All heavy atoms as atom14 arrays in JSON, in Angstrom:
{
  "sequence": "WNKLSPYKATTFIASVPAIADMLSITEFKDSNAGQSFHGTGKMITPF",
  "atom14_mask": [
    [1, 1, 1, 1, 1, 1, 1, 1, 1, 1, 1, 1, 1, 1],
    [1, 1, 1, 1, 1, 1, 1, 1, 0, 0, 0, 0, 0, 0],
    [1, 1, 1, 1, 1, 1, 1, 1, 1, 0, 0, 0, 0, 0],
    [1, 1, 1, 1, 1, 1, 1, 1, 0, 0, 0, 0, 0, 0],
    [1, 1, 1, 1, 1, 1, 0, 0, 0, 0, 0, 0, 0, 0],
    [1, 1, 1, 1, 1, 1, 1, 0, 0, 0, 0, 0, 0, 0],
    [1, 1, 1, 1, 1, 1, 1, 1, 1, 1, 1, 1, 0, 0],
    [1, 1, 1, 1, 1, 1, 1, 1, 1, 0, 0, 0, 0, 0],
    [1, 1, 1, 1, 1, 0, 0, 0, 0, 0, 0, 0, 0, 0],
    [1, 1, 1, 1, 1, 1, 1, 0, 0, 0, 0, 0, 0, 0],
    [1, 1, 1, 1, 1, 1, 1, 0, 0, 0, 0, 0, 0, 0],
    [1, 1, 1, 1, 1, 1, 1, 1, 1, 1, 1, 0, 0, 0],
    [1, 1, 1, 1, 1, 1, 1, 1, 0, 0, 0, 0, 0, 0],
    [1, 1, 1, 1, 1, 0, 0, 0, 0, 0, 0, 0, 0, 0],
    [1, 1, 1, 1, 1, 1, 0, 0, 0, 0, 0, 0, 0, 0],
    [1, 1, 1, 1, 1, 1, 1, 0, 0, 0, 0, 0, 0, 0],
    [1, 1, 1, 1, 1, 1, 1, 0, 0, 0, 0, 0, 0, 0],
    [1, 1, 1, 1, 1, 0, 0, 0, 0, 0, 0, 0, 0, 0],
    [1, 1, 1, 1, 1, 1, 1, 1, 0, 0, 0, 0, 0, 0],
    [1, 1, 1, 1, 1, 0, 0, 0, 0, 0, 0, 0, 0, 0],
    [1, 1, 1, 1, 1, 1, 1, 1, 0, 0, 0, 0, 0, 0],
    [1, 1, 1, 1, 1, 1, 1, 1, 0, 0, 0, 0, 0, 0],
    [1, 1, 1, 1, 1, 1, 1, 1, 0, 0, 0, 0, 0, 0],
    [1, 1, 1, 1, 1, 1, 0, 0, 0, 0, 0, 0, 0, 0],
    [1, 1, 1, 1, 1, 1, 1, 1, 0, 0, 0, 0, 0, 0],
    [1, 1, 1, 1, 1, 1, 1, 0, 0, 0, 0, 0, 0, 0],
    [1, 1, 1, 1, 1, 1, 1, 1, 1, 0, 0, 0, 0, 0],
    [1, 1, 1, 1, 1, 1, 1, 1, 1, 1, 1, 0, 0, 0],
    [1, 1, 1, 1, 1, 1, 1, 1, 1, 0, 0, 0, 0, 0],
    [1, 1, 1, 1, 1, 1, 1, 1, 0, 0, 0, 0, 0, 0],
    [1, 1, 1, 1, 1, 1, 0, 0, 0, 0, 0, 0, 0, 0],
    [1, 1, 1, 1, 1, 1, 1, 1, 0, 0, 0, 0, 0, 0],
    [1, 1, 1, 1, 1, 0, 0, 0, 0, 0, 0, 0, 0, 0],
    [1, 1, 1, 1, 0, 0, 0, 0, 0, 0, 0, 0, 0, 0],
    [1, 1, 1, 1, 1, 1, 1, 1, 1, 0, 0, 0, 0, 0],
    [1, 1, 1, 1, 1, 1, 0, 0, 0, 0, 0, 0, 0, 0],
    [1, 1, 1, 1, 1, 1, 1, 1, 1, 1, 1, 0, 0, 0],
    [1, 1, 1, 1, 1, 1, 1, 1, 1, 1, 0, 0, 0, 0],
    [1, 1, 1, 1, 0, 0, 0, 0, 0, 0, 0, 0, 0, 0],
    [1, 1, 1, 1, 1, 1, 1, 0, 0, 0, 0, 0, 0, 0],
    [1, 1, 1, 1, 0, 0, 0, 0, 0, 0, 0, 0, 0, 0],
    [1, 1, 1, 1, 1, 1, 1, 1, 1, 0, 0, 0, 0, 0],
    [1, 1, 1, 1, 1, 1, 1, 1, 0, 0, 0, 0, 0, 0],
    [1, 1, 1, 1, 1, 1, 1, 1, 0, 0, 0, 0, 0, 0],
    [1, 1, 1, 1, 1, 1, 1, 0, 0, 0, 0, 0, 0, 0],
    [1, 1, 1, 1, 1, 1, 1, 0, 0, 0, 0, 0, 0, 0],
    [1, 1, 1, 1, 1, 1, 1, 1, 1, 1, 1, 0, 0, 0]
  ],
  "atom14_positions": [
    [[-0.2, 26.32, -14.64], [-0.77, 25.29, -15.41], [-0.92, 25.53, -16.92], [-0.47, 24.87, -17.68], [-2.25, 24.95, -14.84], [-3.04, 24.02, -15.7], [-2.98, 22.54, -15.72], [-4.02, 24.34, -16.74], [-3.84, 22.1, -16.56], [-4.45, 23.13, -17.22], [-4.65, 25.59, -17.14], [-5.53, 23.18, -18.32], [-5.57, 25.51, -18.01], [-6.07, 24.31, -18.58]],
    [[-1.21, 26.81, -17.07], [-1.31, 27.29, -18.61], [0.01, 27.42, -19.2], [0.11, 27.21, -20.48], [-2.06, 28.58, -18.61], [-2.4, 28.99, -19.99], [-2.96, 28.27, -20.73], [-2.03, 30.27, -20.34], [0.0, 0.0, 0.0], [0.0, 0.0, 0.0], [0.0, 0.0, 0.0], [0.0, 0.0, 0.0], [0.0, 0.0, 0.0], [0.0, 0.0, 0.0]],
    [[1.02, 27.76, -18.52], [2.33, 27.93, -18.96], [2.94, 26.56, -19.4], [3.82, 26.57, -20.33], [3.23, 28.57, -17.9], [3.24, 30.15, -17.82], [4.04, 30.72, -18.84], [4.19, 32.23, -18.55], [5.03, 32.89, -19.56], [0.0, 0.0, 0.0], [0.0, 0.0, 0.0], [0.0, 0.0, 0.0], [0.0, 0.0, 0.0], [0.0, 0.0, 0.0]],
    [[2.58, 25.51, -18.86], [3.12, 24.2, -19.06], [2.59, 23.63, -20.49], [3.21, 22.74, -20.91], [2.7, 23.23, -18.11], [3.64, 21.96, -17.97], [5.1, 22.34, -17.7], [3.17, 21.16, -16.76], [0.0, 0.0, 0.0], [0.0, 0.0, 0.0], [0.0, 0.0, 0.0], [0.0, 0.0, 0.0], [0.0, 0.0, 0.0], [0.0, 0.0, 0.0]],
    [[1.51, 24.26, -20.96], [0.99, 23.75, -22.26], [1.96, 23.73, -23.41], [2.86, 24.73, -23.41], [-0.27, 24.52, -22.61], [-0.69, 24.18, -23.78], [0.0, 0.0, 0.0], [0.0, 0.0, 0.0], [0.0, 0.0, 0.0], [0.0, 0.0, 0.0], [0.0, 0.0, 0.0], [0.0, 0.0, 0.0], [0.0, 0.0, 0.0], [0.0, 0.0, 0.0]],
    [[2.03, 22.8, -24.25], [1.05, 21.82, -24.48], [1.3, 20.45, -23.69], [0.62, 19.56, -23.9], [1.35, 21.4, -25.96], [2.79, 21.59, -26.06], [3.19, 22.86, -25.29], [0.0, 0.0, 0.0], [0.0, 0.0, 0.0], [0.0, 0.0, 0.0], [0.0, 0.0, 0.0], [0.0, 0.0, 0.0], [0.0, 0.0, 0.0], [0.0, 0.0, 0.0]],
    [[2.31, 20.59, -22.74], [2.47, 19.36, -21.76], [1.36, 19.4, -20.79], [0.8, 20.4, -20.57], [3.79, 19.49, -21.12], [4.96, 19.45, -22.17], [5.69, 20.5, -22.56], [5.38, 18.22, -22.56], [6.72, 20.45, -23.32], [6.44, 18.13, -23.5], [7.11, 19.28, -23.84], [8.21, 19.2, -24.81], [0.0, 0.0, 0.0], [0.0, 0.0, 0.0]],
    [[1.1, 18.26, -20.11], [0.07, 18.14, -19.22], [0.73, 18.35, -17.76], [1.83, 17.84, -17.43], [-0.59, 16.69, -19.19], [-1.36, 16.37, -20.48], [-1.85, 15.02, -20.41], [-2.66, 14.74, -21.67], [-3.18, 13.29, -21.71], [0.0, 0.0, 0.0], [0.0, 0.0, 0.0], [0.0, 0.0, 0.0], [0.0, 0.0, 0.0], [0.0, 0.0, 0.0]],
    [[0.05, 19.07, -16.98], [0.35, 19.27, -15.55], [-0.03, 18.0, -14.74], [-0.97, 18.05, -14.13], [-0.07, 20.59, -14.95], [0.0, 0.0, 0.0], [0.0, 0.0, 0.0], [0.0, 0.0, 0.0], [0.0, 0.0, 0.0], [0.0, 0.0, 0.0], [0.0, 0.0, 0.0], [0.0, 0.0, 0.0], [0.0, 0.0, 0.0], [0.0, 0.0, 0.0]],
    [[0.73, 16.96, -14.74], [0.47, 15.79, -14.11], [0.74, 15.78, -12.71], [0.16, 15.12, -11.76], [1.21, 14.47, -14.78], [2.51, 14.61, -14.66], [0.73, 14.29, -16.19], [0.0, 0.0, 0.0], [0.0, 0.0, 0.0], [0.0, 0.0, 0.0], [0.0, 0.0, 0.0], [0.0, 0.0, 0.0], [0.0, 0.0, 0.0], [0.0, 0.0, 0.0]],
    [[1.85, 16.65, -12.32], [2.38, 16.55, -11.0], [2.81, 17.9, -10.44], [3.46, 18.67, -11.18], [3.58, 15.48, -10.84], [3.32, 14.39, -11.45], [4.02, 15.39, -9.39], [0.0, 0.0, 0.0], [0.0, 0.0, 0.0], [0.0, 0.0, 0.0], [0.0, 0.0, 0.0], [0.0, 0.0, 0.0], [0.0, 0.0, 0.0], [0.0, 0.0, 0.0]],
    [[2.41, 18.31, -9.17], [2.97, 19.46, -8.55], [3.9, 19.0, -7.45], [3.54, 18.2, -6.62], [1.86, 20.31, -7.98], [1.05, 21.11, -8.93], [-0.19, 21.77, -8.49], [1.46, 21.3, -10.3], [-1.01, 22.33, -9.38], [0.63, 21.9, -11.07], [-0.52, 22.53, -10.73], [0.0, 0.0, 0.0], [0.0, 0.0, 0.0], [0.0, 0.0, 0.0]],
    [[5.14, 19.57, -7.32], [5.91, 19.28, -6.32], [6.11, 20.67, -5.54], [6.6, 21.64, -6.02], [7.44, 18.9, -6.77], [7.27, 17.7, -7.78], [8.38, 18.53, -5.59], [8.54, 17.37, -8.48], [0.0, 0.0, 0.0], [0.0, 0.0, 0.0], [0.0, 0.0, 0.0], [0.0, 0.0, 0.0], [0.0, 0.0, 0.0], [0.0, 0.0, 0.0]],
    [[5.67, 20.57, -4.26], [5.52, 21.77, -3.64], [6.13, 21.78, -2.23], [6.18, 20.8, -1.55], [4.08, 22.15, -3.29], [0.0, 0.0, 0.0], [0.0, 0.0, 0.0], [0.0, 0.0, 0.0], [0.0, 0.0, 0.0], [0.0, 0.0, 0.0], [0.0, 0.0, 0.0], [0.0, 0.0, 0.0], [0.0, 0.0, 0.0], [0.0, 0.0, 0.0]],
    [[6.74, 23.02, -1.77], [7.27, 23.06, -0.46], [6.0, 23.05, 0.65], [4.94, 23.17, 0.38], [7.99, 24.33, -0.26], [7.15, 25.44, -0.41], [0.0, 0.0, 0.0], [0.0, 0.0, 0.0], [0.0, 0.0, 0.0], [0.0, 0.0, 0.0], [0.0, 0.0, 0.0], [0.0, 0.0, 0.0], [0.0, 0.0, 0.0], [0.0, 0.0, 0.0]],
    [[6.48, 22.88, 1.9], [5.45, 22.77, 2.88], [4.66, 24.09, 3.14], [3.4, 23.99, 3.09], [6.08, 22.43, 4.24], [5.05, 22.36, 5.4], [6.61, 21.01, 4.26], [0.0, 0.0, 0.0], [0.0, 0.0, 0.0], [0.0, 0.0, 0.0], [0.0, 0.0, 0.0], [0.0, 0.0, 0.0], [0.0, 0.0, 0.0], [0.0, 0.0, 0.0]],
    [[5.24, 25.16, 3.11], [4.46, 26.51, 3.03], [3.58, 26.61, 1.88], [2.44, 27.22, 2.11], [5.58, 27.6, 3.14], [6.79, 26.86, 3.68], [6.74, 25.58, 3.18], [0.0, 0.0, 0.0], [0.0, 0.0, 0.0], [0.0, 0.0, 0.0], [0.0, 0.0, 0.0], [0.0, 0.0, 0.0], [0.0, 0.0, 0.0], [0.0, 0.0, 0.0]],
    [[4.0, 26.23, 0.72], [3.14, 26.28, -0.52], [1.97, 25.48, -0.36], [0.94, 25.9, -0.75], [3.92, 25.93, -1.68], [0.0, 0.0, 0.0], [0.0, 0.0, 0.0], [0.0, 0.0, 0.0], [0.0, 0.0, 0.0], [0.0, 0.0, 0.0], [0.0, 0.0, 0.0], [0.0, 0.0, 0.0], [0.0, 0.0, 0.0], [0.0, 0.0, 0.0]],
    [[2.13, 24.18, 0.18], [1.03, 23.25, 0.35], [0.0, 23.85, 1.3], [-1.28, 23.73, 1.22], [1.47, 21.86, 0.8], [2.22, 21.16, -0.4], [0.37, 21.06, 1.2], [2.79, 19.82, -0.08], [0.0, 0.0, 0.0], [0.0, 0.0, 0.0], [0.0, 0.0, 0.0], [0.0, 0.0, 0.0], [0.0, 0.0, 0.0], [0.0, 0.0, 0.0]],
    [[0.54, 24.52, 2.32], [-0.26, 25.14, 3.38], [-1.22, 26.24, 2.76], [-2.29, 26.43, 2.96], [0.5, 25.73, 4.56], [0.0, 0.0, 0.0], [0.0, 0.0, 0.0], [0.0, 0.0, 0.0], [0.0, 0.0, 0.0], [0.0, 0.0, 0.0], [0.0, 0.0, 0.0], [0.0, 0.0, 0.0], [0.0, 0.0, 0.0], [0.0, 0.0, 0.0]],
    [[-0.53, 27.07, 1.8], [-1.26, 28.06, 1.07], [-2.32, 27.38, 0.22], [-3.54, 27.96, 0.14], [-0.3, 28.93, 0.15], [0.53, 29.63, 0.97], [0.29, 29.94, 2.15], [1.63, 30.25, 0.39], [0.0, 0.0, 0.0], [0.0, 0.0, 0.0], [0.0, 0.0, 0.0], [0.0, 0.0, 0.0], [0.0, 0.0, 0.0], [0.0, 0.0, 0.0]],
    [[-1.94, 26.31, -0.44], [-2.95, 25.67, -1.46], [-4.15, 25.17, -0.68], [-5.28, 25.18, -1.19], [-2.24, 24.61, -2.21], [-1.13, 25.02, -3.14], [-0.18, 23.6, -3.79], [-1.29, 22.76, -4.8], [0.0, 0.0, 0.0], [0.0, 0.0, 0.0], [0.0, 0.0, 0.0], [0.0, 0.0, 0.0], [0.0, 0.0, 0.0], [0.0, 0.0, 0.0]],
    [[-3.85, 24.74, 0.62], [-5.1, 24.16, 1.43], [-5.93, 25.28, 1.85], [-7.15, 25.02, 2.3], [-4.53, 23.38, 2.56], [-4.01, 21.92, 2.22], [-3.16, 21.38, 3.43], [-4.99, 21.04, 1.67], [0.0, 0.0, 0.0], [0.0, 0.0, 0.0], [0.0, 0.0, 0.0], [0.0, 0.0, 0.0], [0.0, 0.0, 0.0], [0.0, 0.0, 0.0]],
    [[-5.56, 26.57, 1.86], [-6.33, 27.62, 2.23], [-7.05, 28.27, 1.1], [-7.82, 29.14, 1.33], [-5.36, 28.64, 2.85], [-4.75, 28.06, 3.99], [0.0, 0.0, 0.0], [0.0, 0.0, 0.0], [0.0, 0.0, 0.0], [0.0, 0.0, 0.0], [0.0, 0.0, 0.0], [0.0, 0.0, 0.0], [0.0, 0.0, 0.0], [0.0, 0.0, 0.0]],
    [[-6.74, 27.86, -0.17], [-7.46, 28.45, -1.28], [-8.88, 28.03, -1.36], [-9.14, 26.82, -1.12], [-6.7, 27.95, -2.59], [-5.3, 28.61, -2.6], [-7.55, 28.45, -3.86], [-4.44, 28.14, -3.85], [0.0, 0.0, 0.0], [0.0, 0.0, 0.0], [0.0, 0.0, 0.0], [0.0, 0.0, 0.0], [0.0, 0.0, 0.0], [0.0, 0.0, 0.0]],
    [[-9.83, 28.99, -1.58], [-11.25, 28.72, -1.58], [-11.58, 27.6, -2.38], [-12.45, 26.91, -2.13], [-12.03, 30.06, -1.97], [-11.66, 31.03, -1.09], [-13.47, 29.85, -1.88], [0.0, 0.0, 0.0], [0.0, 0.0, 0.0], [0.0, 0.0, 0.0], [0.0, 0.0, 0.0], [0.0, 0.0, 0.0], [0.0, 0.0, 0.0], [0.0, 0.0, 0.0]],
    [[-11.0, 27.53, -3.67], [-11.27, 26.42, -4.6], [-11.03, 25.07, -4.12], [-11.49, 24.07, -4.67], [-10.64, 26.69, -5.85], [-11.22, 27.83, -6.81], [-10.85, 29.21, -6.3], [-9.94, 29.26, -5.23], [-11.34, 30.2, -6.74], [0.0, 0.0, 0.0], [0.0, 0.0, 0.0], [0.0, 0.0, 0.0], [0.0, 0.0, 0.0], [0.0, 0.0, 0.0]],
    [[-10.14, 24.92, -3.02], [-9.88, 23.69, -2.43], [-10.76, 23.34, -1.36], [-10.67, 22.39, -0.61], [-8.39, 23.67, -2.0], [-7.43, 23.56, -3.07], [-6.83, 24.71, -3.52], [-7.13, 22.36, -3.7], [-5.88, 24.76, -4.57], [-6.2, 22.28, -4.69], [-5.5, 23.49, -5.15], [0.0, 0.0, 0.0], [0.0, 0.0, 0.0], [0.0, 0.0, 0.0]],
    [[-11.62, 24.31, -0.85], [-12.42, 24.09, 0.34], [-13.85, 23.57, 0.22], [-14.58, 23.65, 1.11], [-12.41, 25.44, 1.01], [-11.1, 25.91, 1.64], [-11.21, 27.14, 2.55], [-9.99, 27.37, 3.33], [-10.1, 28.57, 4.09], [0.0, 0.0, 0.0], [0.0, 0.0, 0.0], [0.0, 0.0, 0.0], [0.0, 0.0, 0.0], [0.0, 0.0, 0.0]],
    [[-14.22, 23.11, -1.15], [-15.44, 22.55, -1.09], [-15.6, 21.24, -0.31], [-14.66, 20.75, 0.04], [-15.9, 22.23, -2.64], [-15.05, 21.26, -3.34], [-15.3, 20.07, -3.06], [-13.95, 21.59, -3.91], [0.0, 0.0, 0.0], [0.0, 0.0, 0.0], [0.0, 0.0, 0.0], [0.0, 0.0, 0.0], [0.0, 0.0, 0.0], [0.0, 0.0, 0.0]],
    [[-16.81, 20.75, -0.05], [-17.0, 19.66, 0.81], [-16.29, 18.39, 0.32], [-15.74, 17.7, 1.12], [-18.45, 19.41, 0.95], [-19.2, 19.16, -0.16], [0.0, 0.0, 0.0], [0.0, 0.0, 0.0], [0.0, 0.0, 0.0], [0.0, 0.0, 0.0], [0.0, 0.0, 0.0], [0.0, 0.0, 0.0], [0.0, 0.0, 0.0], [0.0, 0.0, 0.0]],
    [[-16.47, 18.23, -1.05], [-15.81, 16.84, -1.47], [-14.34, 16.94, -1.28], [-13.69, 15.9, -0.93], [-16.12, 16.68, -2.99], [-17.68, 16.38, -3.14], [-18.16, 15.82, -2.26], [-18.15, 16.77, -4.31], [0.0, 0.0, 0.0], [0.0, 0.0, 0.0], [0.0, 0.0, 0.0], [0.0, 0.0, 0.0], [0.0, 0.0, 0.0], [0.0, 0.0, 0.0]],
    [[-13.55, 18.14, -1.57], [-12.27, 18.24, -1.37], [-11.82, 17.95, 0.13], [-10.88, 17.23, 0.38], [-11.74, 19.6, -1.88], [0.0, 0.0, 0.0], [0.0, 0.0, 0.0], [0.0, 0.0, 0.0], [0.0, 0.0, 0.0], [0.0, 0.0, 0.0], [0.0, 0.0, 0.0], [0.0, 0.0, 0.0], [0.0, 0.0, 0.0], [0.0, 0.0, 0.0]],
    [[-12.54, 18.55, 1.01], [-12.28, 18.45, 2.34], [-12.46, 17.01, 2.86], [-11.52, 16.48, 3.59], [0.0, 0.0, 0.0], [0.0, 0.0, 0.0], [0.0, 0.0, 0.0], [0.0, 0.0, 0.0], [0.0, 0.0, 0.0], [0.0, 0.0, 0.0], [0.0, 0.0, 0.0], [0.0, 0.0, 0.0], [0.0, 0.0, 0.0], [0.0, 0.0, 0.0]],
    [[-13.5, 16.33, 2.41], [-13.63, 14.91, 2.85], [-12.57, 14.01, 2.3], [-12.05, 13.21, 2.96], [-14.95, 14.47, 2.31], [-16.21, 15.08, 3.09], [-17.41, 14.54, 2.41], [-17.57, 13.72, 1.55], [-18.67, 15.19, 2.92], [0.0, 0.0, 0.0], [0.0, 0.0, 0.0], [0.0, 0.0, 0.0], [0.0, 0.0, 0.0], [0.0, 0.0, 0.0]],
    [[-12.08, 14.29, 1.0], [-10.98, 13.49, 0.44], [-9.67, 13.73, 1.29], [-8.97, 12.86, 1.61], [-10.85, 13.8, -1.0], [-9.67, 13.16, -1.52], [0.0, 0.0, 0.0], [0.0, 0.0, 0.0], [0.0, 0.0, 0.0], [0.0, 0.0, 0.0], [0.0, 0.0, 0.0], [0.0, 0.0, 0.0], [0.0, 0.0, 0.0], [0.0, 0.0, 0.0]],
    [[-9.37, 14.98, 1.54], [-8.14, 15.22, 2.17], [-8.11, 14.74, 3.62], [-7.12, 14.08, 3.96], [-7.91, 16.75, 2.3], [-6.6, 17.09, 3.03], [-5.46, 16.88, 2.37], [-6.69, 17.66, 4.35], [-4.26, 17.29, 3.07], [-5.47, 18.08, 5.01], [-4.24, 17.76, 4.33], [0.0, 0.0, 0.0], [0.0, 0.0, 0.0], [0.0, 0.0, 0.0]],
    [[-9.24, 14.82, 4.36], [-9.23, 14.24, 5.76], [-9.33, 12.79, 5.73], [-8.82, 12.18, 6.63], [-10.46, 15.08, 6.48], [-10.28, 16.38, 6.74], [-9.31, 16.88, 7.53], [-10.97, 17.39, 6.27], [-9.39, 18.17, 7.56], [-10.47, 18.53, 6.93], [0.0, 0.0, 0.0], [0.0, 0.0, 0.0], [0.0, 0.0, 0.0], [0.0, 0.0, 0.0]],
    [[-9.8, 12.23, 4.78], [-10.05, 10.71, 4.74], [-8.89, 10.06, 4.1], [-8.51, 8.9, 4.61], [0.0, 0.0, 0.0], [0.0, 0.0, 0.0], [0.0, 0.0, 0.0], [0.0, 0.0, 0.0], [0.0, 0.0, 0.0], [0.0, 0.0, 0.0], [0.0, 0.0, 0.0], [0.0, 0.0, 0.0], [0.0, 0.0, 0.0], [0.0, 0.0, 0.0]],
    [[-8.17, 10.6, 3.2], [-7.01, 9.94, 2.44], [-5.78, 10.68, 2.62], [-4.68, 10.12, 2.44], [-7.34, 9.85, 1.02], [-7.49, 11.06, 0.39], [-8.69, 9.05, 0.79], [0.0, 0.0, 0.0], [0.0, 0.0, 0.0], [0.0, 0.0, 0.0], [0.0, 0.0, 0.0], [0.0, 0.0, 0.0], [0.0, 0.0, 0.0], [0.0, 0.0, 0.0]],
    [[-5.7, 11.98, 2.99], [-4.58, 12.77, 3.08], [-4.08, 13.3, 1.73], [-3.1, 13.9, 1.58], [0.0, 0.0, 0.0], [0.0, 0.0, 0.0], [0.0, 0.0, 0.0], [0.0, 0.0, 0.0], [0.0, 0.0, 0.0], [0.0, 0.0, 0.0], [0.0, 0.0, 0.0], [0.0, 0.0, 0.0], [0.0, 0.0, 0.0], [0.0, 0.0, 0.0]],
    [[-4.95, 12.99, 0.63], [-4.63, 13.47, -0.63], [-5.51, 14.69, -1.08], [-6.62, 14.82, -0.83], [-5.02, 12.37, -1.59], [-4.13, 11.09, -1.58], [-4.44, 10.15, -2.62], [-3.6, 8.77, -2.44], [-3.9, 7.82, -3.45], [0.0, 0.0, 0.0], [0.0, 0.0, 0.0], [0.0, 0.0, 0.0], [0.0, 0.0, 0.0], [0.0, 0.0, 0.0]],
    [[-4.73, 15.71, -1.54], [-5.44, 16.96, -1.96], [-5.97, 16.84, -3.36], [-5.72, 15.91, -4.21], [-4.34, 18.03, -2.02], [-3.69, 18.52, -0.91], [-2.57, 19.79, -1.11], [-3.43, 21.05, -1.81], [0.0, 0.0, 0.0], [0.0, 0.0, 0.0], [0.0, 0.0, 0.0], [0.0, 0.0, 0.0], [0.0, 0.0, 0.0], [0.0, 0.0, 0.0]],
    [[-7.12, 17.59, -3.5], [-7.83, 17.61, -4.85], [-7.31, 19.04, -5.44], [-7.51, 20.03, -4.83], [-9.22, 17.63, -4.75], [-9.65, 16.22, -4.19], [-9.91, 17.82, -6.14], [-11.28, 15.99, -4.08], [0.0, 0.0, 0.0], [0.0, 0.0, 0.0], [0.0, 0.0, 0.0], [0.0, 0.0, 0.0], [0.0, 0.0, 0.0], [0.0, 0.0, 0.0]],
    [[-6.79, 18.96, -6.62], [-6.38, 20.15, -7.42], [-7.38, 20.35, -8.4], [-8.02, 19.5, -8.93], [-5.02, 20.06, -7.9], [-5.0, 19.19, -8.99], [-3.99, 19.51, -6.8], [0.0, 0.0, 0.0], [0.0, 0.0, 0.0], [0.0, 0.0, 0.0], [0.0, 0.0, 0.0], [0.0, 0.0, 0.0], [0.0, 0.0, 0.0], [0.0, 0.0, 0.0]],
    [[-7.52, 21.62, -8.88], [-8.54, 22.0, -10.02], [-7.98, 21.32, -11.37], [-8.75, 21.29, -12.26], [-8.38, 23.49, -10.07], [-7.77, 23.9, -8.79], [-7.01, 22.86, -8.45], [0.0, 0.0, 0.0], [0.0, 0.0, 0.0], [0.0, 0.0, 0.0], [0.0, 0.0, 0.0], [0.0, 0.0, 0.0], [0.0, 0.0, 0.0], [0.0, 0.0, 0.0]],
    [[-6.72, 20.82, -11.28], [-6.3, 20.29, -12.66], [-6.06, 18.89, -12.73], [-5.55, 18.34, -13.58], [-4.93, 20.96, -12.84], [-4.84, 22.48, -12.51], [-4.0, 22.81, -11.46], [-5.67, 23.33, -13.09], [-3.98, 24.13, -11.01], [-5.58, 24.75, -12.73], [-4.79, 25.05, -11.67], [0.0, 0.0, 0.0], [0.0, 0.0, 0.0], [0.0, 0.0, 0.0]]
  ]
}
């Protein structure tokens, strides 16, 4: 995210294994993030 500056990181395009890793990251595991993913299938990213 920092390397992309001064452009905005609007989109991540990720492989299936990379997405599985992202879903296991602690910062993605708060209750709001979990509810959003299970309810809509959309991940919440820190950015």
